[in-house]
Amino acid sequence: LNPNNTVQLVVYSCQKVQDCSTCKGLDSTFQCTWCLSRRECSLTNRCSLSDQVQEDKCSEPGPVINKIYPLVGPVQGGTLLTLEGVDLSIKFSDIRNITVGGIICELQETGYKVSTR
């Protein structure tokens, strides 16, 4: 109870999560894990240990980019691009070597969202 005699509860359903990276990136208090055979986020105790994605590694089907914006920019470069999709990464530090036209992009943590952006 807090000073106002109220209780704050967080109710969460692992099954509402649609991709591995988002599932594995959840706070451990939710006790969610990605089940490989069912390809779904599930409570840890409802997925056998051998079927759980281990060590924060999501590899199947791999990252999917659904949107890149803006679609145009100057030829000399320098345009800040945003990529959106699923299973992009669990942590910002997992992202490596994004290239556009063979040029390595400078990554910025601002605006990063687990798995989706």
N, C-alpha and C. Protein backbone atom coordinates (compact mmCIF):
# COMPACT_ATOMS: atom_id res chain seq x y z
N LEU A 1 0.84 -1.18 0.00
CA LEU A 1 0.00 0.00 0.00
C LEU A 1 0.88 1.24 0.00
N ASN A 2 0.45 2.23 -0.71
CA ASN A 2 1.18 3.49 -0.70
C ASN A 2 0.52 4.44 0.31
N PRO A 3 1.04 5.64 0.49
CA PRO A 3 0.47 6.57 1.50
C PRO A 3 -1.01 6.86 1.31
N ASN A 4 -1.54 6.68 0.11
CA ASN A 4 -2.97 6.94 -0.14
C ASN A 4 -3.83 5.70 0.06
N ASN A 5 -3.24 4.64 0.63
CA ASN A 5 -3.92 3.37 0.86
C ASN A 5 -4.46 2.75 -0.42
N THR A 6 -3.69 2.86 -1.49
CA THR A 6 -4.07 2.22 -2.75
C THR A 6 -2.98 1.23 -3.14
N VAL A 7 -3.34 0.26 -3.94
CA VAL A 7 -2.40 -0.75 -4.43
C VAL A 7 -2.32 -0.60 -5.93
N GLN A 8 -1.09 -0.60 -6.45
CA GLN A 8 -0.91 -0.54 -7.90
C GLN A 8 -0.52 -1.93 -8.38
N LEU A 9 -1.29 -2.48 -9.31
CA LEU A 9 -1.03 -3.79 -9.88
C LEU A 9 -0.74 -3.66 -11.37
N VAL A 10 0.16 -4.50 -11.85
CA VAL A 10 0.41 -4.60 -13.27
C VAL A 10 -0.02 -6.00 -13.68
N VAL A 11 -1.00 -6.07 -14.56
CA VAL A 11 -1.48 -7.36 -15.06
C VAL A 11 -0.95 -7.50 -16.48
N TYR A 12 -0.32 -8.64 -16.76
CA TYR A 12 0.34 -8.78 -18.05
C TYR A 12 0.07 -10.16 -18.62
N SER A 13 -0.09 -10.23 -19.93
CA SER A 13 -0.29 -11.49 -20.62
C SER A 13 0.85 -11.68 -21.62
N CYS A 14 1.70 -12.66 -21.37
CA CYS A 14 2.82 -12.94 -22.27
C CYS A 14 2.31 -13.22 -23.69
N GLN A 15 1.17 -13.90 -23.79
CA GLN A 15 0.64 -14.32 -25.09
C GLN A 15 0.27 -13.14 -25.99
N LYS A 16 0.16 -11.94 -25.44
CA LYS A 16 -0.16 -10.76 -26.25
C LYS A 16 1.05 -10.28 -27.05
N VAL A 17 2.25 -10.74 -26.67
CA VAL A 17 3.48 -10.33 -27.34
C VAL A 17 3.64 -11.16 -28.62
N GLN A 18 3.93 -10.47 -29.73
CA GLN A 18 3.91 -11.11 -31.05
C GLN A 18 5.27 -11.59 -31.56
N ASP A 19 6.39 -11.18 -30.93
CA ASP A 19 7.68 -11.58 -31.48
C ASP A 19 8.68 -11.90 -30.37
N CYS A 20 9.70 -12.65 -30.73
CA CYS A 20 10.69 -13.15 -29.79
C CYS A 20 11.45 -12.03 -29.08
N SER A 21 11.93 -11.05 -29.81
CA SER A 21 12.75 -10.00 -29.20
C SER A 21 11.97 -9.21 -28.15
N THR A 22 10.73 -8.89 -28.45
CA THR A 22 9.91 -8.17 -27.47
C THR A 22 9.68 -9.04 -26.25
N CYS A 23 9.38 -10.31 -26.46
CA CYS A 23 9.15 -11.25 -25.36
C CYS A 23 10.39 -11.36 -24.46
N LYS A 24 11.55 -11.60 -25.07
CA LYS A 24 12.78 -11.77 -24.29
C LYS A 24 13.25 -10.47 -23.67
N GLY A 25 12.79 -9.34 -24.20
CA GLY A 25 13.18 -8.04 -23.66
C GLY A 25 12.32 -7.56 -22.51
N LEU A 26 11.25 -8.32 -22.18
CA LEU A 26 10.38 -7.92 -21.08
C LEU A 26 11.08 -8.02 -19.74
N ASP A 27 10.65 -7.24 -18.79
CA ASP A 27 11.18 -7.30 -17.43
C ASP A 27 10.99 -8.73 -16.90
N SER A 28 11.96 -9.25 -16.20
CA SER A 28 11.92 -10.63 -15.70
C SER A 28 10.78 -10.87 -14.72
N THR A 29 10.23 -9.83 -14.13
CA THR A 29 9.11 -10.03 -13.20
C THR A 29 7.88 -10.60 -13.90
N PHE A 30 7.78 -10.43 -15.23
CA PHE A 30 6.64 -10.98 -15.97
C PHE A 30 6.78 -12.48 -16.21
N GLN A 31 8.00 -13.02 -16.07
CA GLN A 31 8.29 -14.44 -16.23
C GLN A 31 7.84 -14.98 -17.59
N CYS A 32 8.12 -14.21 -18.64
CA CYS A 32 7.79 -14.61 -20.00
C CYS A 32 9.04 -15.16 -20.70
N THR A 33 8.84 -16.11 -21.61
CA THR A 33 9.92 -16.62 -22.43
C THR A 33 9.36 -16.96 -23.81
N TRP A 34 10.24 -17.05 -24.80
CA TRP A 34 9.81 -17.41 -26.15
C TRP A 34 9.94 -18.91 -26.33
N CYS A 35 8.83 -19.57 -26.67
CA CYS A 35 8.81 -21.02 -26.93
C CYS A 35 9.03 -21.26 -28.42
N LEU A 36 10.11 -21.94 -28.74
CA LEU A 36 10.47 -22.16 -30.13
C LEU A 36 9.44 -22.99 -30.89
N SER A 37 9.01 -24.12 -30.34
CA SER A 37 8.11 -25.01 -31.08
C SER A 37 6.75 -24.37 -31.34
N ARG A 38 6.27 -23.56 -30.40
CA ARG A 38 4.97 -22.92 -30.57
C ARG A 38 5.09 -21.53 -31.20
N ARG A 39 6.33 -21.02 -31.30
CA ARG A 39 6.61 -19.70 -31.86
C ARG A 39 5.71 -18.65 -31.21
N GLU A 40 5.72 -18.67 -29.85
CA GLU A 40 4.91 -17.71 -29.10
C GLU A 40 5.58 -17.38 -27.78
N CYS A 41 5.18 -16.23 -27.24
CA CYS A 41 5.62 -15.81 -25.93
C CYS A 41 4.72 -16.50 -24.91
N SER A 42 5.32 -17.07 -23.88
CA SER A 42 4.57 -17.85 -22.92
C SER A 42 5.17 -17.66 -21.53
N LEU A 43 4.39 -17.98 -20.52
CA LEU A 43 4.95 -18.02 -19.17
C LEU A 43 6.06 -19.06 -19.12
N THR A 44 7.13 -18.75 -18.43
CA THR A 44 8.29 -19.63 -18.36
C THR A 44 7.91 -21.04 -17.91
N ASN A 45 7.02 -21.15 -16.93
CA ASN A 45 6.67 -22.48 -16.42
C ASN A 45 5.75 -23.27 -17.36
N ARG A 46 5.34 -22.67 -18.48
CA ARG A 46 4.50 -23.37 -19.46
C ARG A 46 5.26 -23.74 -20.72
N CYS A 47 6.57 -23.61 -20.66
CA CYS A 47 7.42 -23.92 -21.81
C CYS A 47 8.63 -24.69 -21.28
N SER A 48 8.87 -25.89 -21.83
CA SER A 48 9.99 -26.69 -21.33
C SER A 48 11.30 -25.93 -21.53
N LEU A 49 12.25 -26.16 -20.64
CA LEU A 49 13.53 -25.46 -20.70
C LEU A 49 14.22 -25.67 -22.05
N SER A 50 14.13 -26.88 -22.60
CA SER A 50 14.78 -27.17 -23.88
C SER A 50 14.10 -26.45 -25.04
N ASP A 51 12.87 -25.99 -24.85
CA ASP A 51 12.13 -25.31 -25.91
C ASP A 51 12.23 -23.78 -25.81
N GLN A 52 12.85 -23.28 -24.74
CA GLN A 52 12.96 -21.84 -24.53
C GLN A 52 14.17 -21.26 -25.26
N VAL A 53 13.99 -20.08 -25.84
CA VAL A 53 15.12 -19.36 -26.43
C VAL A 53 16.04 -18.97 -25.28
N GLN A 54 17.32 -19.32 -25.39
CA GLN A 54 18.27 -19.08 -24.31
C GLN A 54 19.14 -17.86 -24.60
N GLU A 55 19.70 -17.29 -23.57
CA GLU A 55 20.73 -16.24 -23.63
C GLU A 55 20.31 -15.04 -24.47
N ASP A 56 19.05 -14.67 -24.39
CA ASP A 56 18.55 -13.49 -25.11
C ASP A 56 18.86 -13.53 -26.59
N LYS A 57 18.81 -14.70 -27.19
CA LYS A 57 19.10 -14.84 -28.61
C LYS A 57 17.83 -15.24 -29.37
N CYS A 58 17.37 -14.37 -30.22
CA CYS A 58 16.23 -14.64 -31.08
C CYS A 58 16.74 -14.66 -32.51
N SER A 59 16.63 -15.79 -33.17
CA SER A 59 17.18 -15.87 -34.52
C SER A 59 16.17 -16.29 -35.57
N GLU A 60 15.05 -16.84 -35.19
CA GLU A 60 14.09 -17.30 -36.19
C GLU A 60 12.81 -16.51 -36.10
N PRO A 61 12.24 -16.02 -37.13
CA PRO A 61 12.75 -16.09 -38.50
C PRO A 61 13.82 -15.05 -38.80
N GLY A 62 14.21 -14.27 -37.81
CA GLY A 62 15.20 -13.24 -38.00
C GLY A 62 14.54 -11.88 -38.08
N PRO A 63 15.33 -10.83 -38.12
CA PRO A 63 14.73 -9.49 -38.17
C PRO A 63 13.95 -9.28 -39.45
N VAL A 64 12.83 -8.57 -39.32
CA VAL A 64 12.01 -8.21 -40.47
C VAL A 64 11.81 -6.70 -40.43
N ILE A 65 12.24 -6.02 -41.48
CA ILE A 65 12.05 -4.57 -41.58
C ILE A 65 10.78 -4.31 -42.38
N ASN A 66 9.83 -3.63 -41.76
CA ASN A 66 8.56 -3.32 -42.42
C ASN A 66 8.51 -1.91 -42.98
N LYS A 67 9.32 -1.01 -42.41
CA LYS A 67 9.22 0.38 -42.81
C LYS A 67 10.57 1.07 -42.60
N ILE A 68 10.95 1.90 -43.56
CA ILE A 68 12.14 2.75 -43.45
C ILE A 68 11.69 4.16 -43.83
N TYR A 69 12.04 5.12 -43.02
CA TYR A 69 11.70 6.50 -43.38
C TYR A 69 12.75 7.46 -42.85
N PRO A 70 12.95 8.59 -43.54
CA PRO A 70 12.31 9.00 -44.79
C PRO A 70 12.83 8.17 -45.96
N LEU A 71 12.12 8.20 -47.07
CA LEU A 71 12.50 7.42 -48.24
C LEU A 71 13.45 8.17 -49.17
N VAL A 72 13.62 9.47 -48.95
CA VAL A 72 14.52 10.26 -49.79
C VAL A 72 15.43 11.12 -48.91
N GLY A 73 16.56 11.48 -49.46
CA GLY A 73 17.50 12.35 -48.75
C GLY A 73 18.58 12.80 -49.71
N PRO A 74 19.46 13.69 -49.27
CA PRO A 74 20.51 14.20 -50.15
C PRO A 74 21.52 13.10 -50.52
N VAL A 75 22.08 13.20 -51.70
CA VAL A 75 23.06 12.23 -52.19
C VAL A 75 24.27 12.13 -51.27
N GLN A 76 24.69 13.25 -50.68
CA GLN A 76 25.87 13.24 -49.82
C GLN A 76 25.64 12.54 -48.49
N GLY A 77 24.40 12.15 -48.20
CA GLY A 77 24.11 11.41 -46.96
C GLY A 77 23.80 12.32 -45.80
N GLY A 78 23.89 11.75 -44.60
CA GLY A 78 23.65 12.52 -43.39
C GLY A 78 22.20 12.53 -42.94
N THR A 79 21.33 11.80 -43.65
CA THR A 79 19.91 11.76 -43.28
C THR A 79 19.69 10.75 -42.17
N LEU A 80 18.97 11.14 -41.12
CA LEU A 80 18.62 10.23 -40.04
C LEU A 80 17.51 9.32 -40.52
N LEU A 81 17.78 8.01 -40.59
CA LEU A 81 16.79 7.02 -41.01
C LEU A 81 16.21 6.32 -39.80
N THR A 82 14.94 5.95 -39.88
CA THR A 82 14.31 5.16 -38.85
C THR A 82 13.84 3.86 -39.49
N LEU A 83 14.18 2.73 -38.87
CA LEU A 83 13.75 1.42 -39.33
C LEU A 83 12.75 0.87 -38.33
N GLU A 84 11.65 0.32 -38.82
CA GLU A 84 10.66 -0.30 -37.95
C GLU A 84 10.37 -1.71 -38.45
N GLY A 85 10.10 -2.62 -37.53
CA GLY A 85 9.81 -4.00 -37.90
C GLY A 85 9.62 -4.85 -36.67
N VAL A 86 9.98 -6.13 -36.79
CA VAL A 86 9.88 -7.06 -35.67
C VAL A 86 11.19 -7.83 -35.52
N ASP A 87 11.47 -8.25 -34.30
CA ASP A 87 12.68 -8.99 -33.95
C ASP A 87 13.95 -8.27 -34.40
N LEU A 88 13.95 -6.93 -34.26
CA LEU A 88 15.13 -6.17 -34.67
C LEU A 88 16.28 -6.32 -33.68
N SER A 89 15.99 -6.38 -32.39
CA SER A 89 17.02 -6.65 -31.38
C SER A 89 16.38 -6.61 -29.99
N ILE A 90 17.03 -7.27 -29.06
CA ILE A 90 16.57 -7.25 -27.67
C ILE A 90 17.16 -6.05 -26.95
N LYS A 91 18.44 -5.75 -27.25
CA LYS A 91 19.12 -4.60 -26.65
C LYS A 91 19.75 -3.77 -27.76
N PHE A 92 19.84 -2.48 -27.54
CA PHE A 92 20.46 -1.59 -28.53
C PHE A 92 21.87 -2.07 -28.86
N SER A 93 22.60 -2.54 -27.86
CA SER A 93 23.99 -2.97 -28.08
C SER A 93 24.10 -4.21 -28.97
N ASP A 94 22.98 -4.91 -29.22
CA ASP A 94 22.99 -6.08 -30.11
C ASP A 94 23.03 -5.69 -31.59
N ILE A 95 22.70 -4.45 -31.91
CA ILE A 95 22.62 -4.01 -33.30
C ILE A 95 24.03 -3.80 -33.85
N ARG A 96 24.29 -4.38 -35.01
CA ARG A 96 25.62 -4.30 -35.61
C ARG A 96 25.51 -4.00 -37.11
N ASN A 97 26.39 -3.17 -37.61
CA ASN A 97 26.63 -2.98 -39.03
C ASN A 97 25.40 -2.87 -39.92
N ILE A 98 24.63 -1.83 -39.73
CA ILE A 98 23.54 -1.53 -40.66
C ILE A 98 24.15 -0.70 -41.78
N THR A 99 23.91 -1.13 -43.02
CA THR A 99 24.45 -0.41 -44.16
C THR A 99 23.34 0.02 -45.10
N VAL A 100 23.56 1.12 -45.77
CA VAL A 100 22.67 1.61 -46.83
C VAL A 100 23.56 1.92 -48.02
N GLY A 101 23.30 1.25 -49.12
CA GLY A 101 24.13 1.46 -50.31
C GLY A 101 25.59 1.13 -50.07
N GLY A 102 25.84 0.16 -49.18
CA GLY A 102 27.21 -0.25 -48.87
C GLY A 102 27.93 0.64 -47.87
N ILE A 103 27.27 1.69 -47.39
CA ILE A 103 27.87 2.61 -46.42
C ILE A 103 27.35 2.24 -45.02
N ILE A 104 28.28 2.07 -44.06
CA ILE A 104 27.89 1.74 -42.69
C ILE A 104 27.24 2.96 -42.04
N CYS A 105 26.09 2.73 -41.42
CA CYS A 105 25.34 3.81 -40.77
C CYS A 105 25.84 4.02 -39.34
N GLU A 106 25.80 5.26 -38.89
CA GLU A 106 26.10 5.59 -37.50
C GLU A 106 24.81 5.37 -36.71
N LEU A 107 24.85 4.50 -35.71
CA LEU A 107 23.65 4.16 -34.95
C LEU A 107 23.43 5.14 -33.82
N GLN A 108 22.15 5.45 -33.56
CA GLN A 108 21.80 6.36 -32.47
C GLN A 108 20.77 5.68 -31.57
N GLU A 109 21.05 5.68 -30.28
CA GLU A 109 20.16 5.01 -29.33
C GLU A 109 18.86 5.78 -29.10
N THR A 110 18.85 7.06 -29.38
CA THR A 110 17.64 7.87 -29.21
C THR A 110 16.53 7.31 -30.10
N GLY A 111 15.37 7.05 -29.51
CA GLY A 111 14.23 6.54 -30.27
C GLY A 111 14.20 5.02 -30.37
N TYR A 112 15.25 4.33 -29.87
CA TYR A 112 15.27 2.86 -29.92
C TYR A 112 14.15 2.28 -29.07
N LYS A 113 13.46 1.28 -29.61
CA LYS A 113 12.43 0.54 -28.86
C LYS A 113 12.69 -0.93 -29.07
N VAL A 114 12.70 -1.71 -27.99
CA VAL A 114 13.00 -3.14 -28.06
C VAL A 114 12.23 -3.78 -29.20
N SER A 115 12.97 -4.45 -30.06
CA SER A 115 12.46 -5.25 -31.15
C SER A 115 11.85 -4.48 -32.31
N THR A 116 11.21 -3.34 -32.09
CA THR A 116 10.40 -2.74 -33.13
C THR A 116 10.99 -1.52 -33.81
N ARG A 117 11.97 -0.83 -33.19
CA ARG A 117 12.47 0.40 -33.79
C ARG A 117 13.91 0.66 -33.39
